[in-house]
Protein backbone atom coordinates (compact mmCIF):
# COMPACT_ATOMS: atom_id res chain seq x y z
CA MET A 1 34.70 15.30 -22.15
CA ASN A 2 38.48 15.69 -22.05
CA ILE A 3 39.50 19.22 -21.04
CA LYS A 4 42.88 20.92 -21.12
CA ILE A 5 43.43 24.08 -19.07
CA MET A 6 46.03 26.68 -20.04
CA TYR A 7 46.75 29.85 -18.08
CA ASN A 8 49.30 32.56 -17.34
CA ASP A 9 51.29 33.07 -14.12
CA ASN A 10 48.73 35.52 -12.79
CA SER A 11 45.89 33.02 -13.14
CA LYS A 12 47.25 30.06 -11.15
CA ILE A 13 44.66 30.41 -8.39
CA HIS A 14 41.83 30.70 -10.93
CA ALA A 15 43.13 27.58 -12.71
CA ARG A 16 43.35 25.63 -9.43
CA ILE A 17 39.73 26.48 -8.55
CA LEU A 18 38.49 25.61 -12.04
CA LYS A 19 40.36 22.29 -12.08
CA SER A 20 38.82 21.33 -8.74
CA LYS A 21 35.29 22.15 -9.91
CA LEU A 22 35.71 20.31 -13.20
CA LEU A 23 37.04 17.17 -11.52
CA SER A 24 34.24 17.17 -8.95
CA ASN A 25 31.76 17.34 -11.83
CA GLY A 26 33.19 14.31 -13.59
CA PHE A 27 35.28 15.90 -16.33
CA ASN A 28 38.65 14.51 -17.38
CA LEU A 29 41.65 16.86 -17.29
CA VAL A 30 44.28 16.03 -19.91
CA ASP A 31 47.51 17.44 -21.30
CA ASP A 32 46.80 16.45 -24.89
CA LEU A 33 44.04 15.10 -27.13
CA ALA A 34 41.53 17.46 -25.54
CA ASP A 35 37.98 18.00 -26.75
CA LEU A 36 37.94 21.46 -25.15
CA VAL A 37 40.82 23.80 -24.29
CA ILE A 38 40.00 26.40 -21.64
CA ILE A 39 42.41 29.35 -21.62
CA ILE A 40 42.51 31.64 -18.56
CA GLY A 41 44.13 35.08 -18.83
CA GLY A 42 44.03 38.02 -21.19
CA ASP A 43 44.14 38.14 -24.98
CA GLY A 44 47.93 37.71 -24.92
CA THR A 45 47.54 34.44 -23.02
CA PHE A 46 44.96 33.27 -25.56
CA LEU A 47 47.26 34.04 -28.49
CA ASN A 48 50.32 32.46 -26.85
CA SER A 49 48.37 29.34 -25.87
CA ILE A 50 47.01 28.83 -29.37
CA ARG A 51 50.52 29.25 -30.77
CA LYS A 52 51.86 26.62 -28.34
CA LEU A 53 49.16 24.28 -29.66
CA LYS A 54 50.36 25.02 -33.21
CA TYR A 55 47.00 26.56 -34.15
CA SER A 56 45.33 23.15 -34.03
CA PRO A 57 41.73 23.31 -35.36
CA PHE A 58 40.61 20.11 -33.66
CA PRO A 59 39.76 21.06 -30.04
CA LEU A 60 37.12 23.62 -29.23
CA TYR A 61 38.50 26.70 -27.44
CA LEU A 62 36.97 28.68 -24.58
CA GLY A 63 38.49 31.88 -23.17
CA ILE A 64 38.06 33.02 -19.56
CA ASN A 65 39.16 36.60 -18.98
CA SER A 66 41.30 37.33 -15.93
CA GLY A 67 43.04 40.29 -17.58
CA ASN A 68 41.80 43.79 -18.37
CA LEU A 69 39.72 44.18 -21.54
CA GLY A 70 39.73 40.73 -23.08
CA TYR A 71 38.32 40.96 -26.60
CA LEU A 72 39.00 37.27 -27.23
CA GLN A 73 38.54 36.23 -23.59
CA ASP A 74 34.88 37.16 -23.36
CA ILE A 75 33.80 35.07 -20.33
CA SER A 76 34.57 36.41 -16.85
CA PHE A 77 35.83 34.11 -14.12
CA ALA A 78 32.70 34.99 -12.12
CA GLN A 79 30.76 32.99 -14.73
CA MET A 80 32.69 29.79 -14.01
CA ASP A 81 29.67 27.93 -12.57
CA LYS A 82 27.64 28.90 -15.64
CA ILE A 83 30.38 27.37 -17.82
CA ILE A 84 30.38 24.09 -15.90
CA THR A 85 26.58 23.87 -15.90
CA TYR A 86 26.48 24.40 -19.67
CA LEU A 87 29.20 21.80 -20.30
CA LYS A 88 27.42 19.21 -18.13
CA GLN A 89 24.12 19.76 -19.90
CA ASN A 90 25.60 19.84 -23.40
CA GLU A 91 28.68 17.63 -23.10
CA ASN A 92 27.72 15.46 -26.08
CA ASN A 93 25.72 17.99 -28.07
CA ILE A 94 27.11 21.53 -28.03
CA ASN A 95 24.85 23.89 -29.96
CA SER A 96 26.57 25.04 -33.14
CA GLU A 97 25.07 28.50 -32.58
CA LYS A 98 27.36 28.80 -29.56
CA ILE A 99 30.44 28.19 -31.70
CA SER A 100 32.16 30.99 -33.60
CA ASP A 101 35.03 30.52 -36.02
CA ILE A 102 38.36 32.32 -35.82
CA PRO A 103 40.04 33.02 -39.17
CA LEU A 104 43.78 32.49 -39.44
CA ALA A 105 46.40 34.17 -41.58
CA LYS A 106 48.62 31.72 -43.40
CA ILE A 107 52.21 32.85 -43.78
CA SER A 108 54.34 31.01 -46.36
CA TYR A 109 58.10 31.55 -46.47
CA LEU A 110 59.38 30.59 -49.94
CA TYR A 111 63.05 29.82 -50.49
CA PHE A 112 65.16 29.91 -53.64
CA ASP A 113 65.69 26.12 -53.47
CA GLY A 114 61.93 25.56 -53.78
CA SER A 115 61.27 24.71 -50.14
CA VAL A 116 58.39 26.31 -48.23
CA VAL A 117 57.90 26.88 -44.49
CA THR A 118 54.42 27.81 -43.27
CA ASP A 119 53.11 29.46 -40.12
CA ASN A 120 49.82 30.89 -38.83
CA ALA A 121 48.65 34.01 -37.04
CA ILE A 122 45.36 34.89 -35.37
CA ASN A 123 45.93 38.65 -35.20
CA GLU A 124 48.82 39.72 -37.37
CA PHE A 125 52.18 39.13 -38.97
CA HIS A 126 54.49 42.10 -39.01
CA ILE A 127 57.90 42.97 -40.37
CA SER A 128 59.91 45.90 -39.06
CA GLY A 129 63.40 47.34 -39.14
CA LYS A 130 65.58 46.76 -36.09
CA LYS A 131 66.04 49.84 -33.92
CA TYR A 132 63.55 51.75 -36.11
CA ARG A 133 65.64 51.33 -39.25
CA ARG A 134 63.80 51.90 -42.50
CA ILE A 135 63.53 48.86 -44.69
CA GLU A 136 62.93 48.53 -48.42
CA PHE A 137 60.61 45.91 -49.86
CA GLU A 138 58.43 45.13 -52.83
CA LEU A 139 54.74 44.58 -52.10
CA ASN A 140 52.12 43.18 -54.46
CA ASP A 141 48.63 41.73 -54.12
CA THR A 142 49.38 38.96 -56.69
CA ILE A 143 46.79 40.52 -59.06
CA ASP A 144 47.71 43.99 -60.28
CA PHE A 145 49.11 46.13 -57.46
CA LYS A 146 52.90 46.19 -57.20
CA GLU A 147 55.07 48.82 -55.56
CA LYS A 148 58.52 49.28 -54.09
CA ILE A 149 58.16 50.77 -50.61
CA VAL A 150 60.48 52.25 -47.99
CA SER A 151 59.06 52.34 -44.47
CA SER A 152 59.73 51.31 -40.89
CA GLY A 153 57.66 48.18 -41.46
CA ILE A 154 54.39 46.61 -42.48
CA VAL A 155 51.60 44.78 -40.64
CA PHE A 156 49.42 42.09 -42.21
CA ALA A 157 46.25 41.79 -40.11
CA THR A 158 43.35 39.35 -40.14
CA PRO A 159 39.80 40.70 -39.65
CA LEU A 160 40.10 39.70 -35.99
CA GLY A 161 43.47 41.41 -35.66
CA SER A 162 42.43 44.52 -37.56
CA THR A 163 41.37 46.12 -34.24
CA ALA A 164 44.83 45.68 -32.73
CA TYR A 165 48.22 46.89 -34.06
CA ASN A 166 46.68 47.55 -37.46
CA LYS A 167 44.15 50.02 -36.03
CA SER A 168 46.79 51.83 -33.97
CA LEU A 169 48.66 52.49 -37.23
CA GLY A 170 45.56 53.98 -38.83
CA GLY A 171 44.47 50.86 -40.68
CA PRO A 172 40.77 50.03 -41.18
CA ILE A 173 38.73 47.66 -39.02
CA LEU A 174 37.60 44.73 -41.17
CA CYS A 175 34.17 43.16 -40.66
CA GLN A 176 34.27 39.68 -39.16
CA GLY A 177 33.64 36.97 -41.72
CA ILE A 178 35.37 38.77 -44.59
CA ASN A 179 37.97 36.63 -46.33
CA ALA A 180 40.70 39.26 -46.54
CA ILE A 181 44.00 40.51 -45.16
CA CYS A 182 44.78 44.16 -44.42
CA ALA A 183 48.34 45.32 -45.16
CA THR A 184 49.19 48.54 -43.29
CA LEU A 185 52.48 50.43 -43.53
CA PHE A 186 54.07 52.28 -40.66
CA ALA A 187 56.11 55.42 -41.23
CA PRO A 188 56.39 55.10 -45.05
CA ILE A 189 58.53 57.72 -46.78
CA GLN A 190 58.50 59.35 -50.18
CA ASN A 191 61.44 60.97 -51.93
CA SER A 192 63.03 61.18 -55.36
CA LYS A 193 64.33 57.62 -55.04
CA THR A 194 61.01 56.02 -54.06
CA LYS A 195 57.79 55.69 -55.98
CA ASP A 196 54.52 57.12 -54.74
CA TYR A 197 52.44 54.74 -52.69
CA ILE A 198 48.66 54.81 -53.03
CA THR A 199 47.67 54.58 -49.40
CA ASN A 200 48.94 53.47 -46.00
CA SER A 201 46.63 50.42 -46.08
CA LEU A 202 45.55 47.89 -48.67
CA VAL A 203 42.94 45.14 -48.31
CA GLY A 204 43.26 41.99 -50.42
CA ASN A 205 43.01 38.21 -50.52
CA LYS A 206 46.73 37.52 -50.78
CA PHE A 207 49.90 39.59 -50.50
CA GLU A 208 53.43 38.84 -51.65
CA ILE A 209 56.40 40.64 -50.15
CA LYS A 210 60.03 40.58 -51.23
CA ILE A 211 62.54 42.05 -48.79
CA LEU A 212 65.12 44.18 -50.61
CA SER A 213 67.02 45.26 -47.49
CA ASN A 214 69.60 43.23 -45.62
CA TYR A 215 67.82 40.59 -43.52
CA ASP A 216 70.19 41.36 -40.65
CA ASP A 217 68.38 44.70 -40.31
CA ILE A 218 64.84 43.33 -39.92
CA GLU A 219 62.65 41.52 -37.41
CA MET A 220 59.49 39.48 -37.96
CA PHE A 221 56.73 38.87 -35.43
CA VAL A 222 53.69 36.57 -35.40
CA ASP A 223 50.97 37.54 -32.91
CA GLY A 224 53.54 39.53 -30.95
CA GLN A 225 56.11 36.72 -30.80
CA GLN A 226 59.37 37.07 -32.69
CA THR A 227 59.80 34.36 -35.31
CA ASP A 228 62.82 32.08 -35.50
CA ILE A 229 62.56 31.73 -39.27
CA ASP A 230 65.78 31.19 -41.22
CA PHE A 231 66.25 34.24 -43.44
CA LYS A 232 69.09 32.71 -45.45
CA ASN A 233 68.10 32.22 -49.11
CA LEU A 234 64.56 33.48 -48.43
CA SER A 235 62.99 34.44 -51.76
CA LYS A 236 59.62 35.93 -50.77
CA ILE A 237 56.75 35.71 -48.28
CA LEU A 238 53.07 35.11 -49.02
CA VAL A 239 50.34 36.18 -46.57
CA GLU A 240 46.69 35.13 -47.01
CA ILE A 241 43.65 33.88 -45.09
CA ASP A 242 44.05 30.15 -44.40
CA SER A 243 41.36 27.65 -45.33
CA LYS A 244 41.90 26.25 -41.83
CA LYS A 245 39.99 27.90 -38.97
CA LEU A 246 39.82 27.63 -35.19
CA TYR A 247 36.54 27.20 -33.34
CA LYS A 248 35.63 29.00 -30.15
CA LEU A 249 32.82 28.36 -27.66
CA ASN A 250 31.00 31.63 -27.01
CA LEU A 251 28.77 31.43 -23.93
CA ASP A 252 28.03 35.09 -23.25
CA GLU A 253 25.98 35.38 -26.45
CA LYS A 254 27.92 38.39 -27.65
CA THR A 255 29.44 38.64 -31.08
CA TYR A 256 33.05 39.72 -31.33
CA SER A 257 31.92 43.01 -32.88
CA LYS A 258 29.52 43.74 -30.02
CA ASN A 259 32.16 42.81 -27.44
CA MET A 260 34.67 45.09 -29.18
CA PHE A 261 32.20 47.98 -29.34
CA GLU A 262 31.36 47.76 -25.65
CA LYS A 263 34.96 47.54 -24.49
CA MET A 264 36.54 49.95 -26.97
CA ILE A 265 33.89 52.65 -27.09
CA LYS A 266 31.68 52.39 -24.02
């Protein structure tokens, strides 16, 4: 089995120990074309690592938590020997019941010349005004909802990401496995020049957004990282659940929902 290890600056010692144990047990450590990618750190490290790998669905991912809560990184470093034992025993036949899928948001930037640039997000895609400026945009669910909105921004969250920024803004937590995106406004306003909005959050299969404000006044972020998208001649943005998914090895036998409940509530 070819294994790639990714980690943050605070996990260098953990990574060194893991590399040594893997090599002594006959595993190959590689920089690319890995069968398994082991990510050591917190949830931020997991998200950043997946983004560096361009959200590739081909390797299997395994998260080892060396941070604080770790909703995505559900294996502790103290369980390292358990991980290696499992991989040795199941190197050529990993039980599908141990594999959970991670849904991705697909973000499509459509330009007036007909060109399209796509991106992915595990947690969320959000648009906000620079320095808390209010921005104006048109939001529709591509079916029947369509409104012009003025707010400080909007977050489009996957079911996985619905417990993060979306929840802090008062958005709902979506059940895992649902094929939907949650669009949550932050600091929307109503006055004589703006229409009423139905609610702060909408759940749908696909959303279309047209920015009506000056693009120089806005910022866009994917999983907490600012995008470098070219705003010039941008017509609209589509956000939906991608048909592509990532696959994660889950060795502690906890579902994401159970892990979230224990760490968020207990």
